[in-house]
Amino acid sequence: MTISKKPRSNPIITFLATKRRWIQGIIAIGLYGALSLLSLNIWIILGIGLVSGILFGKVFCRWACPIGFFMELIMGMGGKNNGFIQMYQYHKLGCPIAWISGALNRFSLFRITLNKETCLSCGKCDTSCYMPVLEQKRFSLYKSGLEKPGEAFSCSRCLLCVSSCPNGSLSYKLTLPFKK
């Protein structure tokens, strides 16, 4: 008798994704302190941002940006879909740092990947990600023939898609950039 082990969602990713606003707030306050109180050079912080973009993609916007943190707090008052729309537009158009880090999504070493063999095609990942919610005919994390949000310019690597997958078919892991 063989016992098949069903993959599960990564508990660390799930914890981080559900506590993301707290994490972002702490990092944002730390960055503010580093810039103002410690007189840390802005070029050092931009360098750290560039390296994190190459490694992880557009993580700064959703995990560290002080402006994004306050915008999310304000926009969160407008309901889920309203917040989705506004955050999507802000991450797509509004911030020069987002432009640079968004371009790095395609080349970053850590990526959101799908194990097609274990995917249930339940769609929970698509309903938790603001990109497929707003552009259903263009993006999907699991449907063939559509663009993958994790490689797109506007993906902010919030990892809600990974944490919402009921059986762990989506993961955020080290992957070679041009490997398909």
C-alpha atoms as a PDB file:
ATOM      1  CA  MET A   1       0.000   0.000   0.000  1.00  0.00           C
ATOM      2  CA  THR A   2       1.464   3.325  -1.071  1.00  0.00           C
ATOM      3  CA  ILE A   3       0.579   6.536   0.612  1.00  0.00           C
ATOM      4  CA  SER A   4       0.631   9.418  -1.786  1.00  0.00           C
ATOM      5  CA  LYS A   5       1.662  12.677  -0.240  1.00  0.00           C
ATOM      6  CA  LYS A   6      -0.513  15.539  -1.479  1.00  0.00           C
ATOM      7  CA  PRO A   7       1.368  18.848  -1.770  1.00  0.00           C
ATOM      8  CA  ARG A   8       0.126  21.635   0.481  1.00  0.00           C
ATOM      9  CA  SER A   9       0.448  25.377   0.536  1.00  0.00           C
ATOM     10  CA  ASN A  10       3.706  26.612   2.002  1.00  0.00           C
ATOM     11  CA  PRO A  11       2.836  27.764   5.549  1.00  0.00           C
ATOM     12  CA  ILE A  12       5.626  30.367   5.572  1.00  0.00           C
ATOM     13  CA  ILE A  13       4.405  32.005   2.343  1.00  0.00           C
ATOM     14  CA  THR A  14       0.825  31.889   3.633  1.00  0.00           C
ATOM     15  CA  PHE A  15       1.850  33.542   6.914  1.00  0.00           C
ATOM     16  CA  LEU A  16       3.899  36.233   5.143  1.00  0.00           C
ATOM     17  CA  ALA A  17       1.159  36.988   2.597  1.00  0.00           C
ATOM     18  CA  THR A  18      -1.494  37.375   5.293  1.00  0.00           C
ATOM     19  CA  LYS A  19       0.776  39.638   7.379  1.00  0.00           C
ATOM     20  CA  ARG A  20       2.121  41.593   4.395  1.00  0.00           C
ATOM     21  CA  ARG A  21       0.662  44.973   5.412  1.00  0.00           C
ATOM     22  CA  TRP A  22       2.269  44.713   8.845  1.00  0.00           C
ATOM     23  CA  ILE A  23       5.581  43.691   7.301  1.00  0.00           C
ATOM     24  CA  GLN A  24       5.350  46.529   4.782  1.00  0.00           C
ATOM     25  CA  GLY A  25       4.567  49.033   7.545  1.00  0.00           C
ATOM     26  CA  ILE A  26       7.558  47.952   9.629  1.00  0.00           C
ATOM     27  CA  ILE A  27       9.912  48.077   6.631  1.00  0.00           C
ATOM     28  CA  ALA A  28       8.474  51.431   5.503  1.00  0.00           C
ATOM     29  CA  ILE A  29       9.071  52.967   8.933  1.00  0.00           C
ATOM     30  CA  GLY A  30      12.578  51.473   8.932  1.00  0.00           C
ATOM     31  CA  LEU A  31      13.320  52.983   5.518  1.00  0.00           C
ATOM     32  CA  TYR A  32      11.999  56.350   6.641  1.00  0.00           C
ATOM     33  CA  GLY A  33      14.231  56.169   9.707  1.00  0.00           C
ATOM     34  CA  ALA A  34      17.249  55.119   7.664  1.00  0.00           C
ATOM     35  CA  LEU A  35      16.767  58.010   5.251  1.00  0.00           C
ATOM     36  CA  SER A  36      15.913  60.766   7.699  1.00  0.00           C
ATOM     37  CA  LEU A  37      17.284  59.913  11.121  1.00  0.00           C
ATOM     38  CA  LEU A  38      20.438  58.061  10.105  1.00  0.00           C
ATOM     39  CA  SER A  39      21.054  60.205   7.019  1.00  0.00           C
ATOM     40  CA  LEU A  40      21.563  57.070   4.937  1.00  0.00           C
ATOM     41  CA  ASN A  41      22.408  57.909   1.341  1.00  0.00           C
ATOM     42  CA  ILE A  42      19.482  57.452  -1.067  1.00  0.00           C
ATOM     43  CA  TRP A  43      21.829  55.727  -3.558  1.00  0.00           C
ATOM     44  CA  ILE A  44      22.473  52.945  -1.061  1.00  0.00           C
ATOM     45  CA  ILE A  45      18.745  52.326  -0.693  1.00  0.00           C
ATOM     46  CA  LEU A  46      18.258  52.461  -4.482  1.00  0.00           C
ATOM     47  CA  GLY A  47      21.126  49.966  -4.871  1.00  0.00           C
ATOM     48  CA  ILE A  48      19.485  47.640  -2.378  1.00  0.00           C
ATOM     49  CA  GLY A  49      16.224  48.053  -4.302  1.00  0.00           C
ATOM     50  CA  LEU A  50      17.925  47.182  -7.598  1.00  0.00           C
ATOM     51  CA  VAL A  51      19.547  44.060  -6.164  1.00  0.00           C
ATOM     52  CA  SER A  52      16.257  42.966  -4.576  1.00  0.00           C
ATOM     53  CA  GLY A  53      14.540  43.563  -7.943  1.00  0.00           C
ATOM     54  CA  ILE A  54      17.035  41.355  -9.762  1.00  0.00           C
ATOM     55  CA  LEU A  55      16.670  38.623  -7.160  1.00  0.00           C
ATOM     56  CA  PHE A  56      12.976  38.749  -6.296  1.00  0.00           C
ATOM     57  CA  GLY A  57      11.250  40.935  -8.913  1.00  0.00           C
ATOM     58  CA  LYS A  58       8.901  43.750  -8.015  1.00  0.00           C
ATOM     59  CA  VAL A  59       8.829  43.045  -4.274  1.00  0.00           C
ATOM     60  CA  PHE A  60       9.660  46.563  -3.096  1.00  0.00           C
ATOM     61  CA  CYS A  61       6.252  47.986  -4.045  1.00  0.00           C
ATOM     62  CA  ARG A  62       4.188  45.538  -2.019  1.00  0.00           C
ATOM     63  CA  TRP A  63       6.597  44.673   0.779  1.00  0.00           C
ATOM     64  CA  ALA A  64       8.625  47.825   1.545  1.00  0.00           C
ATOM     65  CA  CYS A  65       7.419  51.012  -0.165  1.00  0.00           C
ATOM     66  CA  PRO A  66       6.335  53.658   2.375  1.00  0.00           C
ATOM     67  CA  ILE A  67       4.143  55.455  -0.191  1.00  0.00           C
ATOM     68  CA  GLY A  68       2.521  52.193  -1.262  1.00  0.00           C
ATOM     69  CA  PHE A  69       1.828  51.357   2.382  1.00  0.00           C
ATOM     70  CA  PHE A  70      -0.077  54.587   2.995  1.00  0.00           C
ATOM     71  CA  MET A  71      -1.852  54.344  -0.375  1.00  0.00           C
ATOM     72  CA  GLU A  72      -3.044  50.837   0.476  1.00  0.00           C
ATOM     73  CA  LEU A  73      -4.357  51.995   3.835  1.00  0.00           C
ATOM     74  CA  ILE A  74      -6.291  54.821   2.203  1.00  0.00           C
ATOM     75  CA  MET A  75      -7.532  52.768  -0.767  1.00  0.00           C
ATOM     76  CA  GLY A  76      -8.503  49.820   1.385  1.00  0.00           C
ATOM     77  CA  MET A  77     -11.424  51.899   2.606  1.00  0.00           C
ATOM     78  CA  GLY A  78     -13.069  51.758  -0.837  1.00  0.00           C
ATOM     79  CA  GLY A  79     -13.871  48.034  -0.917  1.00  0.00           C
ATOM     80  CA  LYS A  80     -11.961  45.105  -2.413  1.00  0.00           C
ATOM     81  CA  ASN A  81     -12.505  45.684  -6.140  1.00  0.00           C
ATOM     82  CA  ASN A  82     -12.007  49.445  -5.868  1.00  0.00           C
ATOM     83  CA  GLY A  83      -8.705  48.805  -4.086  1.00  0.00           C
ATOM     84  CA  PHE A  84      -7.724  46.256  -6.743  1.00  0.00           C
ATOM     85  CA  ILE A  85      -8.319  48.758  -9.536  1.00  0.00           C
ATOM     86  CA  GLN A  86      -6.488  51.615  -7.854  1.00  0.00           C
ATOM     87  CA  MET A  87      -3.483  49.511  -6.784  1.00  0.00           C
ATOM     88  CA  TYR A  88      -3.235  47.995 -10.258  1.00  0.00           C
ATOM     89  CA  GLN A  89      -3.179  51.432 -11.887  1.00  0.00           C
ATOM     90  CA  TYR A  90      -0.698  52.791  -9.353  1.00  0.00           C
ATOM     91  CA  HIS A  91       1.690  49.856  -9.793  1.00  0.00           C
ATOM     92  CA  LYS A  92       1.299  50.056 -13.566  1.00  0.00           C
ATOM     93  CA  LEU A  93       1.590  53.809 -14.116  1.00  0.00           C
ATOM     94  CA  GLY A  94       2.232  55.849 -10.991  1.00  0.00           C
ATOM     95  CA  CYS A  95       5.693  55.209  -9.659  1.00  0.00           C
ATOM     96  CA  PRO A  96       9.137  55.454 -11.297  1.00  0.00           C
ATOM     97  CA  ILE A  97      10.580  52.839  -8.937  1.00  0.00           C
ATOM     98  CA  ALA A  98       7.743  50.525  -9.982  1.00  0.00           C
ATOM     99  CA  TRP A  99       8.703  51.044 -13.630  1.00  0.00           C
ATOM    100  CA  ILE A 100      12.242  49.815 -13.038  1.00  0.00           C
ATOM    101  CA  SER A 101      11.370  46.955 -10.708  1.00  0.00           C
ATOM    102  CA  GLY A 102       8.440  45.921 -12.921  1.00  0.00           C
ATOM    103  CA  ALA A 103      10.823  45.503 -15.838  1.00  0.00           C
ATOM    104  CA  LEU A 104      12.916  43.213 -13.624  1.00  0.00           C
ATOM    105  CA  ASN A 105       9.985  40.791 -13.100  1.00  0.00           C
ATOM    106  CA  ARG A 106      10.811  39.074 -16.377  1.00  0.00           C
ATOM    107  CA  PHE A 107      14.455  38.570 -15.375  1.00  0.00           C
ATOM    108  CA  SER A 108      14.284  37.997 -11.614  1.00  0.00           C
ATOM    109  CA  LEU A 109      15.756  34.835 -10.152  1.00  0.00           C
ATOM    110  CA  PHE A 110      12.811  34.076  -7.849  1.00  0.00           C
ATOM    111  CA  ARG A 111       9.552  33.409  -9.691  1.00  0.00           C
ATOM    112  CA  ILE A 112       5.981  32.313  -9.179  1.00  0.00           C
ATOM    113  CA  THR A 113       5.786  28.865 -10.779  1.00  0.00           C
ATOM    114  CA  LEU A 114       2.948  26.412 -11.396  1.00  0.00           C
ATOM    115  CA  ASN A 115       3.172  22.642 -11.103  1.00  0.00           C
ATOM    116  CA  LYS A 116       0.652  21.691 -13.812  1.00  0.00           C
ATOM    117  CA  GLU A 117       0.574  18.054 -12.691  1.00  0.00           C
ATOM    118  CA  THR A 118      -0.853  18.884  -9.264  1.00  0.00           C
ATOM    119  CA  CYS A 119      -2.970  21.925 -10.233  1.00  0.00           C
ATOM    120  CA  LEU A 120      -6.687  21.389  -9.598  1.00  0.00           C
ATOM    121  CA  SER A 121      -7.693  24.265 -11.938  1.00  0.00           C
ATOM    122  CA  CYS A 122      -9.934  25.569  -9.147  1.00  0.00           C
ATOM    123  CA  GLY A 123      -9.159  29.213  -9.997  1.00  0.00           C
ATOM    124  CA  LYS A 124      -8.531  30.372  -6.410  1.00  0.00           C
ATOM    125  CA  CYS A 125      -5.177  31.811  -7.470  1.00  0.00           C
ATOM    126  CA  ASP A 126      -6.787  33.941 -10.186  1.00  0.00           C
ATOM    127  CA  THR A 127      -9.462  35.318  -7.858  1.00  0.00           C
ATOM    128  CA  SER A 128      -6.863  36.345  -5.266  1.00  0.00           C
ATOM    129  CA  CYS A 129      -4.601  38.151  -7.772  1.00  0.00           C
ATOM    130  CA  TYR A 130      -5.566  41.651  -8.881  1.00  0.00           C
ATOM    131  CA  MET A 131      -4.245  41.142 -12.407  1.00  0.00           C
ATOM    132  CA  PRO A 132      -6.542  38.284 -13.573  1.00  0.00           C
ATOM    133  CA  VAL A 133      -9.451  39.874 -11.669  1.00  0.00           C
ATOM    134  CA  LEU A 134      -9.113  43.052 -13.728  1.00  0.00           C
ATOM    135  CA  GLU A 135      -7.945  41.546 -17.040  1.00  0.00           C
ATOM    136  CA  GLN A 136      -9.504  38.071 -17.228  1.00  0.00           C
ATOM    137  CA  LYS A 137      -8.956  37.650 -20.961  1.00  0.00           C
ATOM    138  CA  ARG A 138      -5.256  38.490 -20.695  1.00  0.00           C
ATOM    139  CA  PHE A 139      -3.901  36.950 -17.460  1.00  0.00           C
ATOM    140  CA  SER A 140      -4.214  33.644 -15.624  1.00  0.00           C
ATOM    141  CA  LEU A 141      -1.945  31.769 -13.276  1.00  0.00           C
ATOM    142  CA  TYR A 142      -3.215  28.348 -14.384  1.00  0.00           C
ATOM    143  CA  LYS A 143      -4.991  28.637 -17.770  1.00  0.00           C
ATOM    144  CA  SER A 144      -2.968  27.788 -20.878  1.00  0.00           C
ATOM    145  CA  GLY A 145      -2.610  30.398 -23.596  1.00  0.00           C
ATOM    146  CA  LEU A 146      -2.842  33.444 -21.310  1.00  0.00           C
ATOM    147  CA  GLU A 147      -0.019  35.572 -19.918  1.00  0.00           C
ATOM    148  CA  LYS A 148       1.329  34.622 -16.505  1.00  0.00           C
ATOM    149  CA  PRO A 149       0.815  37.527 -14.074  1.00  0.00           C
ATOM    150  CA  GLY A 150       4.043  36.757 -12.191  1.00  0.00           C
ATOM    151  CA  GLU A 151       6.139  37.662 -15.233  1.00  0.00           C
ATOM    152  CA  ALA A 152       4.175  40.774 -16.118  1.00  0.00           C
ATOM    153  CA  PHE A 153       5.273  44.327 -15.431  1.00  0.00           C
ATOM    154  CA  SER A 154       2.402  45.021 -13.014  1.00  0.00           C
ATOM    155  CA  CYS A 155       2.846  41.997 -10.738  1.00  0.00           C
ATOM    156  CA  SER A 156       3.956  43.266  -7.343  1.00  0.00           C
ATOM    157  CA  ARG A 157       4.744  39.815  -5.928  1.00  0.00           C
ATOM    158  CA  CYS A 158       2.270  40.090  -3.064  1.00  0.00           C
ATOM    159  CA  LEU A 159       2.157  36.251  -3.144  1.00  0.00           C
ATOM    160  CA  LEU A 160      -1.579  36.071  -2.434  1.00  0.00           C
ATOM    161  CA  CYS A 161      -1.873  33.706  -5.401  1.00  0.00           C
ATOM    162  CA  VAL A 162       0.694  31.318  -3.893  1.00  0.00           C
ATOM    163  CA  SER A 163      -0.890  31.409  -0.442  1.00  0.00           C
ATOM    164  CA  SER A 164      -4.411  30.860  -1.843  1.00  0.00           C
ATOM    165  CA  CYS A 165      -3.514  27.652  -3.718  1.00  0.00           C
ATOM    166  CA  PRO A 166      -5.195  24.863  -1.718  1.00  0.00           C
ATOM    167  CA  ASN A 167      -2.700  22.151  -2.621  1.00  0.00           C
ATOM    168  CA  GLY A 168       0.599  23.977  -3.126  1.00  0.00           C
ATOM    169  CA  SER A 169       0.709  23.829  -6.927  1.00  0.00           C
ATOM    170  CA  LEU A 170       1.907  27.438  -7.027  1.00  0.00           C
ATOM    171  CA  SER A 171       5.252  28.262  -5.472  1.00  0.00           C
ATOM    172  CA  TYR A 172       7.697  31.143  -5.273  1.00  0.00           C
ATOM    173  CA  LYS A 173      11.153  29.743  -5.841  1.00  0.00           C
ATOM    174  CA  LEU A 174      14.559  30.172  -7.405  1.00  0.00           C
ATOM    175  CA  THR A 175      14.267  29.633 -11.170  1.00  0.00           C
ATOM    176  CA  LEU A 176      16.487  30.431 -14.127  1.00  0.00           C
ATOM    177  CA  PRO A 177      15.143  33.616 -15.818  1.00  0.00           C
ATOM    178  CA  PHE A 178      14.756  32.422 -19.407  1.00  0.00           C
ATOM    179  CA  LYS A 179      13.733  28.850 -18.642  1.00  0.00           C
ATOM    180  CA  LYS A 180      10.210  28.035 -19.852  1.00  0.00           C
END
